[in-house]
C-alpha atoms as a PDB file:
ATOM      1  CA  MET A   1      12.629  -1.542  -3.324  1.00  0.00           C
ATOM      2  CA  SER A   2       9.780  -1.108  -5.903  1.00  0.00           C
ATOM      3  CA  ASN A   3       8.288   2.366  -6.255  1.00  0.00           C
ATOM      4  CA  THR A   4       4.756   2.783  -7.614  1.00  0.00           C
ATOM      5  CA  LEU A   5       3.066   6.053  -8.420  1.00  0.00           C
ATOM      6  CA  LEU A   6      -0.675   5.932  -8.388  1.00  0.00           C
ATOM      7  CA  VAL A   7      -2.180   8.751 -10.495  1.00  0.00           C
ATOM      8  CA  PHE A   8      -5.833   9.424  -9.674  1.00  0.00           C
ATOM      9  CA  ALA A   9      -7.845  11.201 -12.374  1.00  0.00           C
ATOM     10  CA  LYS A  10     -11.198  11.573 -14.115  1.00  0.00           C
ATOM     11  CA  ILE A  11     -12.189  11.613 -17.778  1.00  0.00           C
ATOM     12  CA  PRO A  12     -12.270  15.244 -18.935  1.00  0.00           C
ATOM     13  CA  ARG A  13     -16.047  15.491 -19.527  1.00  0.00           C
ATOM     14  CA  PRO A  14     -17.790  18.950 -19.475  1.00  0.00           C
ATOM     15  CA  GLY A  15     -19.733  19.447 -16.303  1.00  0.00           C
ATOM     16  CA  HIS A  16     -17.833  16.760 -14.453  1.00  0.00           C
ATOM     17  CA  VAL A  17     -14.368  18.342 -13.847  1.00  0.00           C
ATOM     18  CA  LYS A  18     -13.137  21.659 -12.648  1.00  0.00           C
ATOM     19  CA  THR A  19     -16.735  22.778 -11.845  1.00  0.00           C
ATOM     20  CA  ARG A  20     -15.558  25.528  -9.492  1.00  0.00           C
ATOM     21  CA  LEU A  21     -13.872  27.218 -12.404  1.00  0.00           C
ATOM     22  CA  THR A  22     -17.056  27.594 -14.376  1.00  0.00           C
ATOM     23  CA  PRO A  23     -17.713  31.171 -13.169  1.00  0.00           C
ATOM     24  CA  VAL A  24     -14.682  32.003 -15.383  1.00  0.00           C
ATOM     25  CA  LEU A  25     -14.772  29.216 -17.917  1.00  0.00           C
ATOM     26  CA  THR A  26     -17.560  27.370 -19.682  1.00  0.00           C
ATOM     27  CA  PRO A  27     -18.002  23.657 -18.776  1.00  0.00           C
ATOM     28  CA  GLU A  28     -16.405  22.791 -22.122  1.00  0.00           C
ATOM     29  CA  GLU A  29     -13.445  25.017 -21.496  1.00  0.00           C
ATOM     30  CA  ALA A  30     -13.017  23.665 -17.967  1.00  0.00           C
ATOM     31  CA  ALA A  31     -12.881  20.175 -19.395  1.00  0.00           C
ATOM     32  CA  ARG A  32     -10.295  21.212 -21.958  1.00  0.00           C
ATOM     33  CA  LEU A  33      -8.147  22.723 -19.195  1.00  0.00           C
ATOM     34  CA  TYR A  34      -8.405  19.551 -17.131  1.00  0.00           C
ATOM     35  CA  ARG A  35      -7.413  17.498 -20.128  1.00  0.00           C
ATOM     36  CA  ALA A  36      -4.381  19.716 -20.481  1.00  0.00           C
ATOM     37  CA  PHE A  37      -3.447  19.290 -16.839  1.00  0.00           C
ATOM     38  CA  LEU A  38      -3.845  15.512 -17.181  1.00  0.00           C
ATOM     39  CA  ARG A  39      -1.786  15.038 -20.271  1.00  0.00           C
ATOM     40  CA  ASP A  40       0.997  17.351 -19.043  1.00  0.00           C
ATOM     41  CA  ALA A  41       1.064  15.517 -15.730  1.00  0.00           C
ATOM     42  CA  LEU A  42       1.259  12.091 -17.344  1.00  0.00           C
ATOM     43  CA  ASP A  43       4.131  13.163 -19.552  1.00  0.00           C
ATOM     44  CA  VAL A  44       6.097  14.304 -16.408  1.00  0.00           C
ATOM     45  CA  TYR A  45       5.290  11.263 -14.369  1.00  0.00           C
ATOM     46  CA  ALA A  46       6.073   8.809 -17.253  1.00  0.00           C
ATOM     47  CA  ASP A  47       9.675  10.176 -17.133  1.00  0.00           C
ATOM     48  CA  LEU A  48      10.093   9.435 -13.389  1.00  0.00           C
ATOM     49  CA  PRO A  49      12.113   6.227 -12.445  1.00  0.00           C
ATOM     50  CA  VAL A  50       9.040   4.566 -10.971  1.00  0.00           C
ATOM     51  CA  ASP A  51       6.202   2.285 -11.989  1.00  0.00           C
ATOM     52  CA  VAL A  52       3.284   4.607 -12.939  1.00  0.00           C
ATOM     53  CA  ARG A  53      -0.350   3.453 -12.766  1.00  0.00           C
ATOM     54  CA  LEU A  54      -3.139   5.706 -13.884  1.00  0.00           C
ATOM     55  CA  TYR A  55      -6.410   5.083 -11.934  1.00  0.00           C
ATOM     56  CA  LEU A  56      -9.379   6.556 -13.776  1.00  0.00           C
ATOM     57  CA  ALA A  57     -12.853   7.117 -12.301  1.00  0.00           C
ATOM     58  CA  PRO A  58     -15.430   5.060 -14.217  1.00  0.00           C
ATOM     59  CA  PRO A  59     -17.008   4.959 -16.678  1.00  0.00           C
ATOM     60  CA  PHE A  60     -14.318   5.167 -19.421  1.00  0.00           C
ATOM     61  CA  THR A  61     -13.660   3.500 -22.733  1.00  0.00           C
ATOM     62  CA  ALA A  62     -10.589   2.428 -24.668  1.00  0.00           C
ATOM     63  CA  ASP A  63     -10.949   5.655 -26.702  1.00  0.00           C
ATOM     64  CA  ASP A  64     -10.562   7.703 -23.470  1.00  0.00           C
ATOM     65  CA  VAL A  65      -7.155   6.353 -22.856  1.00  0.00           C
ATOM     66  CA  GLN A  66      -5.513   6.519 -26.307  1.00  0.00           C
ATOM     67  CA  ALA A  67      -3.323   9.467 -25.350  1.00  0.00           C
ATOM     68  CA  VAL A  68      -1.862   7.790 -22.223  1.00  0.00           C
ATOM     69  CA  PRO A  69       1.903   7.302 -22.570  1.00  0.00           C
ATOM     70  CA  ASP A  70       2.859   3.675 -23.214  1.00  0.00           C
ATOM     71  CA  ALA A  71       4.959   3.483 -19.974  1.00  0.00           C
ATOM     72  CA  ILE A  72       1.791   4.060 -17.888  1.00  0.00           C
ATOM     73  CA  SER A  73      -0.764   1.291 -17.187  1.00  0.00           C
ATOM     74  CA  VAL A  74      -4.391   2.106 -16.847  1.00  0.00           C
ATOM     75  CA  HIS A  75      -6.731   0.885 -14.116  1.00  0.00           C
ATOM     76  CA  GLU A  76     -10.209   1.506 -12.921  1.00  0.00           C
ATOM     77  CA  GLN A  77     -10.934   3.216  -9.568  1.00  0.00           C
ATOM     78  CA  ARG A  78     -12.963   0.766  -7.470  1.00  0.00           C
ATOM     79  CA  GLY A  79     -14.794   1.481  -4.284  1.00  0.00           C
ATOM     80  CA  ASP A  80     -17.656   3.581  -2.852  1.00  0.00           C
ATOM     81  CA  GLY A  81     -16.209   7.038  -2.488  1.00  0.00           C
ATOM     82  CA  LEU A  82     -12.743   8.537  -2.851  1.00  0.00           C
ATOM     83  CA  GLY A  83     -11.360   7.084   0.377  1.00  0.00           C
ATOM     84  CA  ALA A  84     -12.337   3.588  -0.479  1.00  0.00           C
ATOM     85  CA  ARG A  85     -10.895   3.971  -3.995  1.00  0.00           C
ATOM     86  CA  MET A  86      -7.580   5.209  -2.695  1.00  0.00           C
ATOM     87  CA  LYS A  87      -7.378   2.448  -0.140  1.00  0.00           C
ATOM     88  CA  LYS A  88      -8.069  -0.159  -2.794  1.00  0.00           C
ATOM     89  CA  ALA A  89      -5.371   1.299  -5.022  1.00  0.00           C
ATOM     90  CA  PHE A  90      -2.807   1.111  -2.226  1.00  0.00           C
ATOM     91  CA  ARG A  91      -3.755  -2.450  -1.502  1.00  0.00           C
ATOM     92  CA  ASP A  92      -3.405  -3.334  -5.136  1.00  0.00           C
ATOM     93  CA  VAL A  93       0.279  -2.421  -4.895  1.00  0.00           C
ATOM     94  CA  LEU A  94       1.371  -2.970  -1.319  1.00  0.00           C
ATOM     95  CA  VAL A  95      -0.378  -6.260  -0.743  1.00  0.00           C
ATOM     96  CA  ASP A  96       0.890  -7.679  -3.990  1.00  0.00           C
ATOM     97  CA  GLY A  97       4.575  -7.155  -3.248  1.00  0.00           C
ATOM     98  CA  GLY A  98       5.167  -3.509  -3.779  1.00  0.00           C
ATOM     99  CA  THR A  99       7.183  -1.706  -1.044  1.00  0.00           C
ATOM    100  CA  ARG A 100       6.543   2.036  -1.643  1.00  0.00           C
ATOM    101  CA  ALA A 101       3.335   3.514  -3.061  1.00  0.00           C
ATOM    102  CA  VAL A 102       2.560   7.245  -3.563  1.00  0.00           C
ATOM    103  CA  ILE A 103      -0.843   8.578  -4.759  1.00  0.00           C
ATOM    104  CA  VAL A 104      -0.992  11.906  -6.589  1.00  0.00           C
ATOM    105  CA  GLY A 105      -3.599  13.757  -8.567  1.00  0.00           C
ATOM    106  CA  THR A 106      -3.309  15.941 -11.731  1.00  0.00           C
ATOM    107  CA  ASP A 107      -4.662  19.306 -10.406  1.00  0.00           C
ATOM    108  CA  HIS A 108      -1.282  21.010  -9.998  1.00  0.00           C
ATOM    109  CA  PRO A 109       0.535  21.473 -13.334  1.00  0.00           C
ATOM    110  CA  THR A 110       3.477  23.336 -11.700  1.00  0.00           C
ATOM    111  CA  LEU A 111       4.101  20.721  -9.007  1.00  0.00           C
ATOM    112  CA  PRO A 112       7.887  20.149  -8.970  1.00  0.00           C
ATOM    113  CA  PRO A 113       8.691  16.517  -9.956  1.00  0.00           C
ATOM    114  CA  ALA A 114      11.308  16.668  -7.183  1.00  0.00           C
ATOM    115  CA  PHE A 115       8.505  16.673  -4.580  1.00  0.00           C
ATOM    116  CA  VAL A 116       7.284  13.307  -5.964  1.00  0.00           C
ATOM    117  CA  GLU A 117      10.782  11.928  -5.918  1.00  0.00           C
ATOM    118  CA  GLN A 118      11.307  13.217  -2.348  1.00  0.00           C
ATOM    119  CA  ALA A 119       8.146  11.381  -1.326  1.00  0.00           C
ATOM    120  CA  PHE A 120       9.641   8.057  -2.303  1.00  0.00           C
ATOM    121  CA  THR A 121      12.931   8.952  -0.596  1.00  0.00           C
ATOM    122  CA  THR A 122      11.154   9.577   2.724  1.00  0.00           C
ATOM    123  CA  LEU A 123       9.390   6.156   2.583  1.00  0.00           C
ATOM    124  CA  GLU A 124      12.011   4.162   4.371  1.00  0.00           C
ATOM    125  CA  GLY A 125      11.183   1.242   6.631  1.00  0.00           C
ATOM    126  CA  ASP A 126       8.099  -0.983   7.032  1.00  0.00           C
ATOM    127  CA  ARG A 127       5.814   1.611   8.496  1.00  0.00           C
ATOM    128  CA  THR A 128       6.145   5.094   7.064  1.00  0.00           C
ATOM    129  CA  VAL A 129       3.777   7.637   5.650  1.00  0.00           C
ATOM    130  CA  CYS A 130       4.376  10.890   3.839  1.00  0.00           C
ATOM    131  CA  ILE A 131       1.892  13.617   2.888  1.00  0.00           C
ATOM    132  CA  GLY A 132       2.081  16.779   0.817  1.00  0.00           C
ATOM    133  CA  PRO A 133      -0.324  19.546   2.030  1.00  0.00           C
ATOM    134  CA  SER A 134      -2.084  21.744  -0.455  1.00  0.00           C
ATOM    135  CA  ASP A 135      -2.976  25.358   0.237  1.00  0.00           C
ATOM    136  CA  ASP A 136      -6.745  24.635   0.209  1.00  0.00           C
ATOM    137  CA  GLY A 137      -6.518  22.427   3.312  1.00  0.00           C
ATOM    138  CA  GLY A 138      -6.318  19.125   1.478  1.00  0.00           C
ATOM    139  CA  TYR A 139      -3.299  17.225   0.258  1.00  0.00           C
ATOM    140  CA  TYR A 140      -1.706  16.844  -3.193  1.00  0.00           C
ATOM    141  CA  LEU A 141       0.135  13.600  -2.351  1.00  0.00           C
ATOM    142  CA  LEU A 142       0.003  10.702   0.047  1.00  0.00           C
ATOM    143  CA  GLY A 143       2.507   7.875   0.276  1.00  0.00           C
ATOM    144  CA  MET A 144       3.000   4.795   2.494  1.00  0.00           C
ATOM    145  CA  THR A 145       4.842   1.563   2.836  1.00  0.00           C
ATOM    146  CA  ALA A 146       1.992  -0.309   4.488  1.00  0.00           C
ATOM    147  CA  VAL A 147      -1.778   0.013   4.088  1.00  0.00           C
ATOM    148  CA  TYR A 148      -3.448   2.052   6.841  1.00  0.00           C
ATOM    149  CA  PRO A 149      -7.169   1.689   6.400  1.00  0.00           C
ATOM    150  CA  GLN A 150      -7.845   4.181   9.208  1.00  0.00           C
ATOM    151  CA  LEU A 151      -6.629   6.926   6.918  1.00  0.00           C
ATOM    152  CA  PHE A 152      -9.502   6.386   4.592  1.00  0.00           C
ATOM    153  CA  ASP A 153     -12.412   4.608   6.399  1.00  0.00           C
ATOM    154  CA  GLY A 154     -15.165   7.044   7.130  1.00  0.00           C
ATOM    155  CA  MET A 155     -13.089   9.985   5.854  1.00  0.00           C
ATOM    156  CA  HIS A 156     -14.869  13.021   4.329  1.00  0.00           C
ATOM    157  CA  TYR A 157     -13.223  14.928   1.505  1.00  0.00           C
ATOM    158  CA  SER A 158     -13.634  18.249  -0.288  1.00  0.00           C
ATOM    159  CA  HIS A 159     -13.457  20.488   2.802  1.00  0.00           C
ATOM    160  CA  ASP A 160     -10.832  22.700   4.459  1.00  0.00           C
ATOM    161  CA  ASP A 161      -9.604  20.248   7.113  1.00  0.00           C
ATOM    162  CA  VAL A 162      -8.731  17.135   5.063  1.00  0.00           C
ATOM    163  CA  PHE A 163      -5.105  17.575   5.641  1.00  0.00           C
ATOM    164  CA  ALA A 164      -5.479  18.201   9.402  1.00  0.00           C
ATOM    165  CA  ASP A 165      -7.930  15.340   9.804  1.00  0.00           C
ATOM    166  CA  THR A 166      -5.491  12.940   7.960  1.00  0.00           C
ATOM    167  CA  LEU A 167      -2.598  14.055  10.225  1.00  0.00           C
ATOM    168  CA  THR A 168      -4.783  13.226  13.242  1.00  0.00           C
ATOM    169  CA  ARG A 169      -5.468   9.797  11.841  1.00  0.00           C
ATOM    170  CA  VAL A 170      -1.810   9.159  11.017  1.00  0.00           C
ATOM    171  CA  GLY A 171      -1.024  10.079  14.689  1.00  0.00           C
ATOM    172  CA  ARG A 172      -3.207   7.275  15.854  1.00  0.00           C
ATOM    173  CA  THR A 173      -1.097   4.640  13.939  1.00  0.00           C
ATOM    174  CA  ASP A 174       2.439   3.388  14.481  1.00  0.00           C
ATOM    175  CA  ALA A 175       3.654   5.035  11.251  1.00  0.00           C
ATOM    176  CA  ARG A 176       6.551   7.474  11.065  1.00  0.00           C
ATOM    177  CA  LEU A 177       5.371  10.607   9.266  1.00  0.00           C
ATOM    178  CA  THR A 178       7.041  12.979   6.932  1.00  0.00           C
ATOM    179  CA  VAL A 179       5.288  16.174   5.799  1.00  0.00           C
ATOM    180  CA  LEU A 180       6.441  17.376   2.394  1.00  0.00           C
ATOM    181  CA  PRO A 181       6.576  21.032   1.186  1.00  0.00           C
ATOM    182  CA  PRO A 182       3.149  22.590   0.530  1.00  0.00           C
ATOM    183  CA  TRP A 183       1.810  23.201  -2.986  1.00  0.00           C
ATOM    184  CA  TYR A 184      -1.491  24.239  -4.498  1.00  0.00           C
ATOM    185  CA  ASP A 185      -4.252  22.638  -6.564  1.00  0.00           C
ATOM    186  CA  VAL A 186      -5.961  24.604  -9.284  1.00  0.00           C
ATOM    187  CA  ASP A 187      -9.622  24.333  -8.351  1.00  0.00           C
ATOM    188  CA  THR A 188     -10.763  28.006  -8.003  1.00  0.00           C
ATOM    189  CA  PRO A 189     -10.394  31.176 -10.058  1.00  0.00           C
ATOM    190  CA  THR A 190      -7.913  32.501  -7.485  1.00  0.00           C
ATOM    191  CA  ALA A 191      -5.690  29.360  -7.907  1.00  0.00           C
ATOM    192  CA  LEU A 192      -6.084  29.567 -11.635  1.00  0.00           C
ATOM    193  CA  GLN A 193      -4.783  33.150 -11.593  1.00  0.00           C
ATOM    194  CA  ARG A 194      -1.817  31.900  -9.537  1.00  0.00           C
ATOM    195  CA  LEU A 195      -1.154  29.287 -12.101  1.00  0.00           C
ATOM    196  CA  VAL A 196      -1.201  31.834 -14.971  1.00  0.00           C
ATOM    197  CA  ASP A 197       1.171  34.071 -13.011  1.00  0.00           C
ATOM    198  CA  ASP A 198       3.533  31.167 -12.167  1.00  0.00           C
ATOM    199  CA  LEU A 199       3.736  29.966 -15.750  1.00  0.00           C
ATOM    200  CA  SER A 200       4.567  33.489 -16.873  1.00  0.00           C
ATOM    201  CA  THR A 201       7.516  33.743 -14.540  1.00  0.00           C
ATOM    202  CA  THR A 202       8.916  30.168 -14.489  1.00  0.00           C
ATOM    203  CA  ASP A 203      10.293  27.667 -16.937  1.00  0.00           C
ATOM    204  CA  VAL A 204       7.904  24.882 -15.978  1.00  0.00           C
ATOM    205  CA  ALA A 205       7.126  22.996 -19.208  1.00  0.00           C
ATOM    206  CA  ALA A 206       3.403  22.166 -19.017  1.00  0.00           C
ATOM    207  CA  PRO A 207       3.118  22.719 -22.833  1.00  0.00           C
ATOM    208  CA  ARG A 208      -0.547  21.862 -23.300  1.00  0.00           C
ATOM    209  CA  THR A 209      -1.562  23.970 -20.290  1.00  0.00           C
ATOM    210  CA  ARG A 210       0.434  26.949 -21.570  1.00  0.00           C
ATOM    211  CA  THR A 211      -1.045  26.632 -25.026  1.00  0.00           C
ATOM    212  CA  LEU A 212      -4.651  26.512 -23.652  1.00  0.00           C
ATOM    213  CA  ILE A 213      -4.088  29.403 -21.388  1.00  0.00           C
ATOM    214  CA  GLU A 214      -3.084  31.448 -24.442  1.00  0.00           C
ATOM    215  CA  ASP A 215      -5.849  30.121 -26.628  1.00  0.00           C
ATOM    216  CA  LEU A 216      -8.554  30.981 -24.021  1.00  0.00           C
ATOM    217  CA  ASP A 217      -6.805  34.247 -23.072  1.00  0.00           C
ATOM    218  CA  LEU A 218      -7.236  33.286 -19.510  1.00  0.00           C
ATOM    219  CA  ASP A 219      -5.385  36.246 -18.091  1.00  0.00           C
ATOM    220  CA  ARG A 220      -7.942  38.617 -19.600  1.00  0.00           C
ATOM    221  CA  LEU A 221     -10.849  36.512 -18.532  1.00  0.00           C
ATOM    222  CA  LEU A 222      -9.578  36.349 -14.948  1.00  0.00           C
ATOM    223  CA  GLN A 223      -8.899  40.095 -14.824  1.00  0.00           C
ATOM    224  CA  ALA A 224     -12.498  40.722 -15.923  1.00  0.00           C
ATOM    225  CA  GLU A 225     -13.954  38.832 -12.896  1.00  0.00           C
END
Protein backbone atom coordinates (compact mmCIF):
# COMPACT_ATOMS: atom_id res chain seq x y z
CA MET A 1 0.00 0.00 0.00
CA SER A 2 1.17 3.55 -0.72
CA ASN A 3 1.10 6.00 2.19
CA THR A 4 0.96 9.74 1.57
CA LEU A 5 1.20 12.47 4.20
CA LEU A 6 -0.38 15.77 3.20
CA VAL A 7 1.07 18.65 5.21
CA PHE A 8 -1.08 21.79 5.11
CA ALA A 9 0.66 25.08 5.90
CA LYS A 10 0.88 28.79 5.17
CA ILE A 11 3.83 31.01 4.32
CA PRO A 12 5.04 32.61 7.59
CA ARG A 13 4.06 36.22 6.87
CA PRO A 14 3.53 38.73 9.71
CA GLY A 15 -0.15 39.36 10.31
CA HIS A 16 -1.21 36.21 8.47
CA VAL A 17 -0.17 33.42 10.87
CA LYS A 18 -0.61 32.82 14.59
CA THR A 19 -2.67 35.99 14.96
CA ARG A 20 -4.21 34.81 18.25
CA LEU A 21 -0.73 34.91 19.79
CA THR A 22 -0.23 38.60 19.06
CA PRO A 23 -1.37 39.71 22.52
CA VAL A 24 1.93 38.17 23.66
CA LEU A 25 3.99 38.40 20.48
CA THR A 26 4.34 41.01 17.77
CA PRO A 27 3.12 39.94 14.30
CA GLU A 28 6.76 39.56 13.27
CA GLU A 29 7.54 37.34 16.26
CA ALA A 30 4.42 35.26 15.65
CA ALA A 31 5.55 34.70 12.05
CA ARG A 32 9.02 33.66 13.25
CA LEU A 33 7.43 31.18 15.64
CA TYR A 34 5.26 29.73 12.90
CA ARG A 35 8.31 29.41 10.65
CA ALA A 36 10.08 27.47 13.41
CA PHE A 37 7.04 25.19 13.84
CA LEU A 38 6.88 24.60 10.09
CA ARG A 39 10.55 23.79 9.58
CA ASP A 40 10.75 21.55 12.65
CA ALA A 41 7.63 19.67 11.52
CA LEU A 42 8.93 19.17 7.98
CA ASP A 43 12.19 17.73 9.29
CA VAL A 44 10.22 15.22 11.38
CA TYR A 45 7.81 14.31 8.60
CA ALA A 46 10.61 13.94 6.04
CA ASP A 47 12.05 11.11 8.15
CA LEU A 48 8.82 9.10 8.15
CA PRO A 49 8.58 6.10 5.75
CA VAL A 50 5.84 7.78 3.67
CA ASP A 51 5.49 10.04 0.66
CA VAL A 52 5.28 13.60 2.03
CA ARG A 53 3.58 16.43 0.15
CA LEU A 54 3.60 19.99 1.44
CA TYR A 55 0.45 21.90 0.43
CA LEU A 56 0.98 25.65 0.80
CA ALA A 57 -1.74 28.29 0.79
CA PRO A 58 -1.18 30.71 -2.10
CA PRO A 59 0.42 33.00 -2.93
CA PHE A 60 3.97 31.75 -2.61
CA THR A 61 7.16 31.92 -4.68
CA ALA A 62 10.14 29.67 -5.29
CA ASP A 63 12.05 31.63 -2.65
CA ASP A 64 9.43 30.67 -0.06
CA VAL A 65 10.17 26.95 -0.42
CA GLN A 66 13.96 26.95 -0.50
CA ALA A 67 14.19 25.46 3.00
CA VAL A 68 11.84 22.54 2.29
CA PRO A 69 13.64 19.19 2.62
CA ASP A 70 14.42 17.55 -0.71
CA ALA A 71 12.29 14.51 0.14
CA ILE A 72 9.14 16.65 0.30
CA SER A 73 7.29 17.80 -2.82
CA VAL A 74 5.55 21.19 -2.80
CA HIS A 75 2.00 21.77 -4.03
CA GLU A 76 -0.46 24.65 -4.02
CA GLN A 77 -3.65 24.43 -2.01
CA ARG A 78 -6.57 24.80 -4.42
CA GLY A 79 -10.20 25.43 -3.66
CA ASP A 80 -12.56 27.94 -2.08
CA GLY A 81 -12.00 27.52 1.65
CA LEU A 82 -10.19 25.02 3.84
CA GLY A 83 -12.66 22.19 3.35
CA ALA A 84 -12.51 22.40 -0.42
CA ARG A 85 -8.72 22.55 -0.32
CA MET A 86 -8.41 19.48 1.87
CA LYS A 87 -10.90 17.55 -0.27
CA LYS A 88 -8.90 18.43 -3.40
CA ALA A 89 -5.64 17.28 -1.77
CA PHE A 90 -7.17 13.94 -0.78
CA ARG A 91 -8.47 13.51 -4.31
CA ASP A 92 -5.03 14.31 -5.74
CA VAL A 93 -3.73 11.22 -3.98
CA LEU A 94 -6.57 8.74 -3.64
CA VAL A 95 -8.03 9.13 -7.12
CA ASP A 96 -4.59 8.85 -8.72
CA GLY A 97 -3.72 5.46 -7.24
CA GLY A 98 -2.81 6.20 -3.65
CA THR A 99 -4.31 3.93 -1.02
CA ARG A 100 -3.82 5.77 2.28
CA ALA A 101 -3.74 9.53 2.76
CA VAL A 102 -3.34 11.47 6.00
CA ILE A 103 -3.55 15.24 6.33
CA VAL A 104 -1.79 17.07 9.15
CA GLY A 105 -0.85 20.62 10.03
CA THR A 106 2.22 22.21 11.60
CA ASP A 107 0.68 23.82 14.70
CA HIS A 108 1.82 21.17 17.17
CA PRO A 109 5.63 20.94 17.51
CA THR A 110 5.46 18.29 20.25
CA LEU A 111 3.11 15.95 18.36
CA PRO A 112 4.60 12.44 18.65
CA PRO A 113 5.53 11.08 15.20
CA ALA A 114 4.15 7.76 16.45
CA PHE A 115 0.64 9.27 16.26
CA VAL A 116 1.11 9.88 12.53
CA GLU A 117 2.46 6.38 12.02
CA GLN A 118 -0.46 4.99 14.01
CA ALA A 119 -2.85 6.83 11.71
CA PHE A 120 -1.55 4.97 8.67
CA THR A 121 -1.69 1.67 10.57
CA THR A 122 -5.39 2.15 11.32
CA LEU A 123 -6.24 2.80 7.68
CA GLU A 124 -6.94 -0.81 6.69
CA GLY A 125 -9.52 -1.70 4.09
CA ASP A 126 -11.21 0.22 1.33
CA ARG A 127 -13.40 2.45 3.50
CA THR A 128 -11.70 3.64 6.65
CA VAL A 129 -11.23 7.02 8.30
CA CYS A 130 -9.09 8.11 11.24
CA ILE A 131 -9.09 11.40 13.09
CA GLY A 132 -6.93 12.93 15.82
CA PRO A 133 -8.83 15.33 18.10
CA SER A 134 -7.19 18.50 19.36
CA ASP A 135 -7.92 20.04 22.74
CA ASP A 136 -9.47 23.16 21.20
CA GLY A 137 -12.34 21.18 19.67
CA GLY A 138 -10.80 20.73 16.23
CA TYR A 139 -8.56 18.00 14.91
CA TYR A 140 -4.84 17.82 14.24
CA LEU A 141 -5.02 14.94 11.75
CA LEU A 142 -7.48 13.34 9.36
CA GLY A 143 -6.85 10.22 7.29
CA MET A 144 -8.82 8.11 4.85
CA THR A 145 -8.59 5.39 2.22
CA ALA A 146 -11.42 6.79 0.09
CA VAL A 147 -12.56 10.34 -0.55
CA TYR A 148 -15.61 11.32 1.52
CA PRO A 149 -16.77 14.72 0.18
CA GLN A 150 -19.44 14.96 2.87
CA LEU A 151 -16.71 15.49 5.47
CA PHE A 152 -15.82 18.79 3.79
CA ASP A 153 -18.76 20.15 1.78
CA GLY A 154 -20.40 23.03 3.61
CA MET A 155 -18.16 22.50 6.64
CA HIS A 156 -17.30 25.48 8.84
CA TYR A 157 -13.94 25.61 10.62
CA SER A 158 -12.26 27.61 13.38
CA HIS A 159 -14.86 26.90 16.06
CA ASP A 160 -15.10 24.61 19.09
CA ASP A 161 -17.19 21.86 17.48
CA VAL A 162 -15.18 20.99 14.37
CA PHE A 163 -14.18 17.58 15.72
CA ALA A 164 -17.74 16.77 16.90
CA ASP A 165 -19.25 17.93 13.61
CA THR A 166 -16.76 15.83 11.64
CA LEU A 167 -17.57 12.76 13.74
CA THR A 168 -21.26 13.27 12.97
CA ARG A 169 -20.50 13.47 9.27
CA VAL A 170 -18.34 10.33 9.38
CA GLY A 171 -21.24 8.56 11.09
CA ARG A 172 -23.38 9.21 8.03
CA THR A 173 -20.94 7.34 5.78
CA ASP A 174 -20.04 3.67 5.45
CA ALA A 175 -16.52 4.27 6.78
CA ARG A 176 -14.99 2.45 9.74
CA LEU A 177 -13.68 5.12 12.11
CA THR A 178 -10.66 5.17 14.42
CA VAL A 179 -10.15 8.05 16.86
CA LEU A 180 -6.50 8.66 17.70
CA PRO A 181 -5.13 10.01 21.00
CA PRO A 182 -5.83 13.71 21.59
CA TRP A 183 -3.17 16.41 21.27
CA TYR A 184 -3.05 20.19 21.17
CA ASP A 185 -2.45 22.97 18.67
CA VAL A 186 -0.47 26.05 19.67
CA ASP A 187 -2.85 28.85 18.72
CA THR A 188 -3.40 30.72 22.00
CA PRO A 189 -1.21 32.10 24.78
CA THR A 190 -2.42 29.29 27.07
CA ALA A 191 -1.37 26.64 24.54
CA LEU A 192 1.92 28.46 23.99
CA GLN A 193 2.64 28.26 27.73
CA ARG A 194 1.87 24.53 27.59
CA LEU A 195 4.36 24.18 24.76
CA VAL A 196 7.06 26.03 26.70
CA ASP A 197 6.42 23.82 29.72
CA ASP A 198 6.42 20.62 27.66
CA LEU A 199 9.70 21.44 25.95
CA SER A 200 11.30 22.15 29.32
CA THR A 201 10.38 18.71 30.65
CA THR A 202 10.68 16.42 27.59
CA ASP A 203 13.33 15.43 25.06
CA VAL A 204 11.27 16.44 22.01
CA ALA A 205 13.75 17.79 19.46
CA ALA A 206 12.04 20.82 17.81
CA PRO A 207 15.41 22.61 17.64
CA ARG A 208 14.24 25.78 15.88
CA THR A 209 11.25 26.15 18.17
CA ARG A 210 13.43 25.67 21.25
CA THR A 211 15.94 28.25 20.02
CA LEU A 212 13.26 30.83 19.28
CA ILE A 213 11.59 30.31 22.65
CA GLU A 214 14.91 31.14 24.26
CA ASP A 215 15.64 34.08 21.94
CA LEU A 216 12.23 35.64 22.61
CA ASP A 217 12.34 34.78 26.33
CA LEU A 218 8.83 33.44 25.93
CA ASP A 219 8.51 32.12 29.46
CA ARG A 220 9.02 35.64 30.83
CA LEU A 221 6.65 37.19 28.29
CA LEU A 222 3.91 34.69 29.09
CA GLN A 223 4.31 35.11 32.85
CA ALA A 224 3.90 38.87 32.38
CA GLU A 225 0.50 38.44 30.77
